[in-house]
Every structure is written in structure tokens, then in C-alpha cells.
Amino acid sequence: MLAVFLQLVVSGVATGMLYALVALSMTVGYRATTVVNFGHGDMVMAGAYAVFVFVGSGLPFAPALLLGLVVLFLFGLGTQRVLMRPIIAGPHLSLAMMALAIGYAVRGGARLEWGSEVTTLQRPYAQDAWMVGPVVFTTDDLVIATFVILLLLVLFLVFNVTPVGRLIRAVFQSQRGAALVGIDVHAFHGVMWGAGAALGAAGGVLLALIVPLSPDMGVWTLLRGFAAMTLGGFGSLHGAVIGGLILGVMEKLLGFYLSTVFIDITAYLITILVLLIRPSGLFGRQAAVRV
């Protein structure tokens, strides 16, 4: 039984890394704008399909990935400037509805093109497996874990060492104060919204390597990413990663030892419990949240 438990933990960590990546991309946008993008799951899906199309057109995987990230960055930047910026000072509900509407529009476009067709994205590496004691590790596990850890390190340096990080902290703490010292807050919001979309696209590509690619993949992706972000704490980069890991492991353990139903409802349960017991999450700070 110990071997089964260890394998479930390893599998949960691998899955949690994907949730963590989605939560990270949401956190980047939130930390810069204090707005939670509830259409973000469909940006994740769109990024996966963009790379799928570019690879299908004959591009090697690496250039296709880079081009896909650029496309989603520009799309995120454009939607923020054209659709979100005019209502940014309006009621919180209008921001939430606009983000959802953008997501549904993106999902509808994918359905028009691919319908209910389920496709796969070919891995750019060989799929191997290794035994470490009683536990099996795969190439997917190592690739995903390495990518998320490196991304976390890069984001940590950007947020805490570079001048960009100081700008982000200034806008996060007080948008009005940032504007008074000469920061173009609106332009900054657009850039960070685009960066969040590009990071989400990277998560979508990794997901598409191990799960079927469909227009509805963004629905459950958003739920897991938001649950991980809520658990870790809004605005916390390392909290997003830890929240994703906890969620992934809990899904596997509860799904195996109690019922497979928990694989689908664990994210809901975590969100409810965290909001009731510790609304700021494990590592978050109290802040005004614009949804």
C-alpha cells in the first residue's frame, strides 16, 4: 500500500504542476491589475490550439510554441485595451461579465472550427519512464516540473529584483498613486494582461501534451487554476504553485481512497473551505479584489 500511496503522490504532484502553471498565469494578471480574469481558462485552450495549428502547418515545435505565445500575448493585450479598459472603472460585476463573455467567444470560435472533435498535440520529445524504488516517473513529469520550477524562478526575479517588479508592486498597492508618479497604468495593465494570456497559453500547451485537446478544456482548467490561486493566496507566486500541488495531490488521494467523484469536486470543496476559513489563502495578503 505504501507503493500505491507514493505513486499517487507523484502523480498528484505532476498534475498539480499543471494547475500551478495556470494559477501562476492568473496570478500575474491579478497582481498587476487586481482583476481576476474568469475567461482565463479559454486563453489556456486558445494557446494550445494556436500551437496545434502552427505545428500542423509544418512548423517545428519550438518556433510554433514561440509564435503561439506571441499570438496569445497580442490577443490578451488587445482584449484588455479594447474591451476591458473602457469599463475598468465600472462595477466589479461588469468586469466579471466581460471576462466571461470574452472567454465564451473564444470557446465558441474554437467550436466553430473543431466542433466536438478531440485532438492531440504530439510531444516534441520521446516518452520514457523510470523506476525509482516502487515509483514510476515519466518524461512528462520531468518536463512539466522543470518548466514550472524555472518559470517560478524567473517570475520571482522579475517581481522582486527588476525595475518591472517595482512597477508591478506599485500598481498593485495603489493604482492612483502609481499614476501620480508618472506610471502609465492603463498601458501597464494591457501588457500584463497579455503576459498572463501568454503564460496561460504555455500551460495549455503542456496540458495538450498529456490530455485530449478540445474546445471545452478551458472550463475545468479555469476551475483548477482558480482553486489553486485561492488556496495559495491571491497575488502570491509561490502560493499559486503550492496551492496547485496541494490540489493535485488531494485529487489523486481522495479519488483513490474515497471515491472517484472527488477528482471532479475537490477544487470546488477547496474553494469553499478556503473562502470560509481563510479568505486570504495560505500566503496571500488582504487586498481589494476586483473580479
Protein backbone atom coordinates (compact mmCIF):
# COMPACT_ATOMS: atom_id res chain seq x y z
CA MET A 1 0.00 0.00 0.00
CA LEU A 2 2.90 2.35 0.62
CA ALA A 3 3.98 1.97 -3.00
CA VAL A 4 0.48 2.88 -4.17
CA PHE A 5 0.42 5.92 -1.88
CA LEU A 6 3.80 7.14 -3.13
CA GLN A 7 2.74 6.67 -6.77
CA LEU A 8 -0.44 8.64 -6.12
CA VAL A 9 1.59 11.46 -4.56
CA VAL A 10 3.99 11.56 -7.52
CA SER A 11 1.08 11.55 -9.97
CA GLY A 12 -0.63 14.26 -7.96
CA VAL A 13 2.48 16.44 -7.95
CA ALA A 14 2.77 16.10 -11.74
CA THR A 15 -0.88 17.07 -12.19
CA GLY A 16 -0.55 19.82 -9.58
CA MET A 17 2.32 21.35 -11.52
CA LEU A 18 -0.06 21.94 -14.42
CA TYR A 19 -2.63 23.50 -12.10
CA ALA A 20 0.16 25.61 -10.62
CA LEU A 21 1.15 26.90 -14.05
CA VAL A 22 -2.41 28.01 -14.78
CA ALA A 23 -2.63 29.60 -11.33
CA LEU A 24 0.68 31.38 -11.93
CA SER A 25 -0.57 32.89 -15.18
CA MET A 26 -3.75 34.08 -13.43
CA THR A 27 -1.70 35.49 -10.55
CA VAL A 28 0.48 37.54 -12.90
CA GLY A 29 -2.59 39.30 -14.29
CA TYR A 30 -4.18 39.73 -10.88
CA ARG A 31 -1.01 41.02 -9.22
CA ALA A 32 -0.65 43.69 -11.88
CA THR A 33 -4.29 44.71 -12.24
CA THR A 34 -6.14 43.35 -9.13
CA VAL A 35 -8.67 41.89 -11.59
CA VAL A 36 -9.35 38.14 -11.68
CA ASN A 37 -9.83 37.04 -15.29
CA PHE A 38 -12.63 34.48 -15.29
CA GLY A 39 -12.19 33.96 -19.01
CA HIS A 40 -8.61 32.84 -18.49
CA GLY A 41 -9.31 29.13 -18.97
CA ASP A 42 -10.27 29.77 -22.58
CA MET A 43 -6.99 31.63 -23.11
CA VAL A 44 -5.27 28.45 -21.97
CA MET A 45 -7.28 26.47 -24.50
CA ALA A 46 -6.63 29.02 -27.27
CA GLY A 47 -2.88 28.84 -26.70
CA ALA A 48 -2.92 25.06 -27.06
CA TYR A 49 -4.92 25.28 -30.29
CA ALA A 50 -2.64 28.01 -31.66
CA VAL A 51 0.41 25.78 -31.27
CA PHE A 52 -1.58 22.83 -32.65
CA VAL A 53 -2.37 24.83 -35.79
CA PHE A 54 1.20 26.07 -36.24
CA VAL A 55 2.64 22.57 -35.80
CA GLY A 56 0.05 21.23 -38.25
CA SER A 57 1.14 23.81 -40.80
CA GLY A 58 4.66 22.36 -40.76
CA LEU A 59 6.49 24.48 -38.20
CA PRO A 60 8.83 22.71 -35.76
CA PHE A 61 7.53 22.60 -32.20
CA ALA A 62 9.83 25.27 -30.70
CA PRO A 63 9.03 28.02 -33.27
CA ALA A 64 5.35 27.04 -33.13
CA LEU A 65 5.37 27.42 -29.35
CA LEU A 66 7.10 30.80 -29.53
CA LEU A 67 4.68 32.04 -32.19
CA GLY A 68 1.72 30.77 -30.18
CA LEU A 69 2.87 32.67 -27.10
CA VAL A 70 3.28 35.85 -29.15
CA VAL A 71 -0.21 35.48 -30.64
CA LEU A 72 -1.80 35.00 -27.21
CA PHE A 73 0.18 37.91 -25.77
CA LEU A 74 -1.15 40.19 -28.52
CA PHE A 75 -4.65 38.81 -28.10
CA GLY A 76 -4.57 39.41 -24.35
CA LEU A 77 -3.18 42.90 -24.85
CA GLY A 78 -5.83 43.69 -27.45
CA THR A 79 -8.79 42.43 -25.44
CA GLN A 80 -7.68 44.39 -22.39
CA ARG A 81 -7.30 47.63 -24.33
CA VAL A 82 -10.42 47.30 -26.48
CA LEU A 83 -12.87 45.52 -24.19
CA MET A 84 -11.71 45.76 -20.57
CA ARG A 85 -10.15 49.21 -20.44
CA PRO A 86 -13.34 51.18 -21.29
CA ILE A 87 -15.16 49.63 -18.32
CA ILE A 88 -12.25 49.27 -15.87
CA ALA A 89 -13.70 51.96 -13.57
CA GLY A 90 -17.18 50.43 -13.68
CA PRO A 91 -18.85 47.96 -11.29
CA HIS A 92 -16.95 44.79 -10.47
CA LEU A 93 -19.76 42.71 -11.94
CA SER A 94 -19.28 44.31 -15.35
CA LEU A 95 -15.60 43.28 -15.36
CA ALA A 96 -16.50 39.70 -14.46
CA MET A 97 -19.18 39.54 -17.16
CA MET A 98 -16.85 40.98 -19.79
CA ALA A 99 -14.10 38.47 -18.95
CA LEU A 100 -16.62 35.62 -19.13
CA ALA A 101 -18.00 36.93 -22.41
CA ILE A 102 -14.52 37.06 -23.94
CA GLY A 103 -13.88 33.50 -22.81
CA TYR A 104 -17.17 32.22 -24.22
CA ALA A 105 -16.49 33.99 -27.52
CA VAL A 106 -13.08 32.33 -27.78
CA ARG A 107 -14.60 28.94 -26.92
CA GLY A 108 -17.35 29.48 -29.48
CA GLY A 109 -14.77 30.24 -32.16
CA ALA A 110 -12.93 27.00 -31.35
CA ARG A 111 -16.18 25.05 -31.55
CA LEU A 112 -16.98 26.55 -34.94
CA GLU A 113 -13.66 25.29 -36.26
CA TRP A 114 -13.25 21.95 -34.47
CA GLY A 115 -16.72 21.22 -33.08
CA SER A 116 -16.64 18.37 -30.58
CA GLU A 117 -13.57 16.87 -32.23
CA VAL A 118 -10.92 15.72 -29.77
CA THR A 119 -7.33 16.03 -30.99
CA THR A 120 -3.87 15.56 -29.55
CA LEU A 121 -0.66 17.56 -29.70
CA GLN A 122 2.36 15.45 -30.50
CA ARG A 123 5.14 15.51 -27.93
CA PRO A 124 8.43 17.03 -29.14
CA TYR A 125 10.34 14.50 -27.01
CA ALA A 126 10.39 10.74 -26.54
CA GLN A 127 8.13 9.40 -23.82
CA ASP A 128 10.13 7.28 -21.40
CA ALA A 129 9.62 6.01 -17.86
CA TRP A 130 11.98 5.22 -15.00
CA MET A 131 11.56 3.26 -11.78
CA VAL A 132 12.83 4.89 -8.60
CA GLY A 133 12.13 2.30 -5.96
CA PRO A 134 8.43 1.44 -6.27
CA VAL A 135 7.56 4.72 -8.02
CA VAL A 136 7.36 5.34 -11.77
CA PHE A 137 8.48 8.69 -13.21
CA THR A 138 7.79 9.68 -16.80
CA THR A 139 9.33 12.20 -19.18
CA ASP A 140 6.11 14.23 -18.94
CA ASP A 141 6.55 14.50 -15.17
CA LEU A 142 10.10 15.81 -15.51
CA VAL A 143 9.35 18.22 -18.37
CA ILE A 144 6.35 19.77 -16.63
CA ALA A 145 8.02 20.03 -13.22
CA THR A 146 11.19 21.55 -14.70
CA PHE A 147 9.25 24.10 -16.76
CA VAL A 148 7.09 25.25 -13.84
CA ILE A 149 10.03 25.49 -11.42
CA LEU A 150 12.10 27.51 -13.90
CA LEU A 151 9.14 29.77 -14.63
CA LEU A 152 8.60 30.35 -10.92
CA LEU A 153 12.25 31.34 -10.52
CA VAL A 154 12.06 33.73 -13.48
CA LEU A 155 8.86 35.33 -12.20
CA PHE A 156 10.32 35.62 -8.70
CA LEU A 157 13.32 37.50 -10.10
CA VAL A 158 11.12 39.71 -12.28
CA PHE A 159 8.78 40.62 -9.44
CA ASN A 160 11.40 41.09 -6.72
CA VAL A 161 14.64 42.20 -8.40
CA THR A 162 13.95 44.06 -11.63
CA PRO A 163 12.50 47.57 -12.16
CA VAL A 164 9.46 45.90 -13.74
CA GLY A 165 8.80 44.20 -10.42
CA ARG A 166 8.84 47.54 -8.62
CA LEU A 167 6.33 48.89 -11.11
CA ILE A 168 4.08 45.88 -10.57
CA ARG A 169 4.21 46.27 -6.79
CA ALA A 170 3.49 49.98 -7.07
CA VAL A 171 0.42 49.44 -9.26
CA PHE A 172 -0.78 46.55 -7.08
CA GLN A 173 -0.57 48.64 -3.91
CA SER A 174 -2.17 51.80 -5.31
CA GLN A 175 -3.14 52.41 -8.93
CA ARG A 176 -3.88 56.05 -8.25
CA GLY A 177 -0.55 56.54 -6.50
CA ALA A 178 1.28 54.84 -9.37
CA ALA A 179 -0.42 57.15 -11.86
CA LEU A 180 0.55 60.20 -9.80
CA VAL A 181 4.25 59.31 -10.03
CA GLY A 182 4.07 59.02 -13.81
CA ILE A 183 3.31 55.33 -14.47
CA ASP A 184 1.00 54.72 -17.43
CA VAL A 185 -1.31 52.38 -15.54
CA HIS A 186 -3.59 51.61 -18.50
CA ALA A 187 -0.71 50.60 -20.77
CA PHE A 188 0.81 48.58 -17.97
CA HIS A 189 -2.46 46.72 -17.43
CA GLY A 190 -2.57 45.81 -21.11
CA VAL A 191 0.97 44.45 -21.13
CA MET A 192 0.40 42.36 -18.01
CA TRP A 193 -2.94 41.06 -19.30
CA GLY A 194 -1.10 39.94 -22.42
CA ALA A 195 1.68 38.37 -20.33
CA GLY A 196 -0.90 36.44 -18.33
CA ALA A 197 -2.51 35.17 -21.54
CA ALA A 198 0.88 34.07 -22.90
CA LEU A 199 1.73 32.21 -19.67
CA GLY A 200 -1.68 30.57 -19.75
CA ALA A 201 -1.01 29.52 -23.32
CA ALA A 202 2.19 27.81 -22.19
CA GLY A 203 0.16 25.91 -19.62
CA GLY A 204 -2.34 24.93 -22.28
CA VAL A 205 0.42 23.53 -24.48
CA LEU A 206 1.76 21.38 -21.64
CA LEU A 207 -1.75 20.18 -20.87
CA ALA A 208 -2.37 19.31 -24.51
CA LEU A 209 0.70 17.06 -24.48
CA ILE A 210 -0.86 14.73 -21.91
CA VAL A 211 -4.65 15.22 -22.15
CA PRO A 212 -7.00 15.40 -25.17
CA LEU A 213 -7.31 18.83 -26.73
CA SER A 214 -10.90 20.08 -27.03
CA PRO A 215 -12.67 23.48 -27.02
CA ASP A 216 -14.03 22.78 -23.53
CA MET A 217 -10.69 22.10 -21.85
CA GLY A 218 -10.61 25.66 -20.56
CA VAL A 219 -13.66 25.10 -18.34
CA TRP A 220 -12.08 22.63 -15.92
CA THR A 221 -8.69 24.32 -16.35
CA LEU A 222 -10.06 27.63 -15.04
CA LEU A 223 -11.67 25.91 -12.07
CA ARG A 224 -8.45 24.17 -11.02
CA GLY A 225 -6.34 27.26 -11.57
CA PHE A 226 -8.70 29.46 -9.57
CA ALA A 227 -8.88 26.91 -6.72
CA ALA A 228 -5.06 26.75 -6.59
CA MET A 229 -4.83 30.53 -6.66
CA THR A 230 -7.43 30.84 -3.90
CA LEU A 231 -5.71 28.25 -1.72
CA GLY A 232 -2.23 29.74 -2.18
CA GLY A 233 -3.38 33.32 -1.75
CA PHE A 234 -4.24 36.00 -4.31
CA GLY A 235 -1.11 37.70 -5.59
CA SER A 236 1.33 35.10 -4.20
CA LEU A 237 3.51 33.42 -6.83
CA HIS A 238 4.84 30.68 -4.60
CA GLY A 239 1.36 30.34 -3.10
CA ALA A 240 -0.05 29.60 -6.56
CA VAL A 241 2.48 26.81 -7.02
CA ILE A 242 1.93 25.32 -3.56
CA GLY A 243 -1.84 25.60 -4.00
CA GLY A 244 -1.64 23.76 -7.32
CA LEU A 245 0.48 20.98 -5.82
CA ILE A 246 -1.87 20.52 -2.86
CA LEU A 247 -4.88 20.41 -5.16
CA GLY A 248 -3.28 17.86 -7.49
CA VAL A 249 -2.25 15.54 -4.65
CA MET A 250 -5.61 15.82 -2.89
CA GLU A 251 -7.48 14.94 -6.09
CA LYS A 252 -5.44 11.78 -6.54
CA LEU A 253 -5.59 10.65 -2.90
CA LEU A 254 -9.27 11.38 -2.32
CA GLY A 255 -10.20 9.97 -5.71
CA PHE A 256 -8.42 6.70 -4.97
CA TYR A 257 -9.14 6.15 -1.28
CA LEU A 258 -12.67 7.59 -1.06
CA SER A 259 -14.37 7.93 -4.45
CA THR A 260 -13.53 8.95 -7.99
CA VAL A 261 -16.19 11.65 -7.59
CA PHE A 262 -13.64 13.68 -5.61
CA ILE A 263 -11.49 14.06 -8.74
CA ASP A 264 -14.19 16.38 -10.08
CA ILE A 265 -15.31 18.13 -6.89
CA THR A 266 -12.10 18.61 -4.90
CA ALA A 267 -11.46 22.02 -6.50
CA TYR A 268 -14.96 23.18 -5.51
CA LEU A 269 -14.52 21.92 -1.95
CA ILE A 270 -11.15 23.63 -1.56
CA THR A 271 -12.52 26.93 -2.84
CA ILE A 272 -15.47 26.80 -0.44
CA LEU A 273 -13.36 25.86 2.59
CA VAL A 274 -10.65 28.44 1.94
CA LEU A 275 -13.14 31.27 1.41
CA LEU A 276 -14.92 30.31 4.65
CA ILE A 277 -11.88 29.65 6.86
CA ARG A 278 -9.05 31.77 5.43
CA PRO A 279 -10.19 34.09 2.62
CA SER A 280 -6.67 35.44 2.06
CA GLY A 281 -5.31 31.92 1.38
CA LEU A 282 -2.18 30.35 2.78
CA PHE A 283 0.24 33.08 1.68
CA GLY A 284 -1.98 35.89 0.47
CA ARG A 285 -2.46 39.38 1.82
CA GLN A 286 -5.67 41.21 2.40
CA ALA A 287 -6.39 43.30 -0.67
CA ALA A 288 -9.29 44.73 -2.58
CA VAL A 289 -10.18 42.16 -5.22
CA ARG A 290 -11.74 43.28 -8.47
CA VAL A 291 -13.49 40.40 -10.21
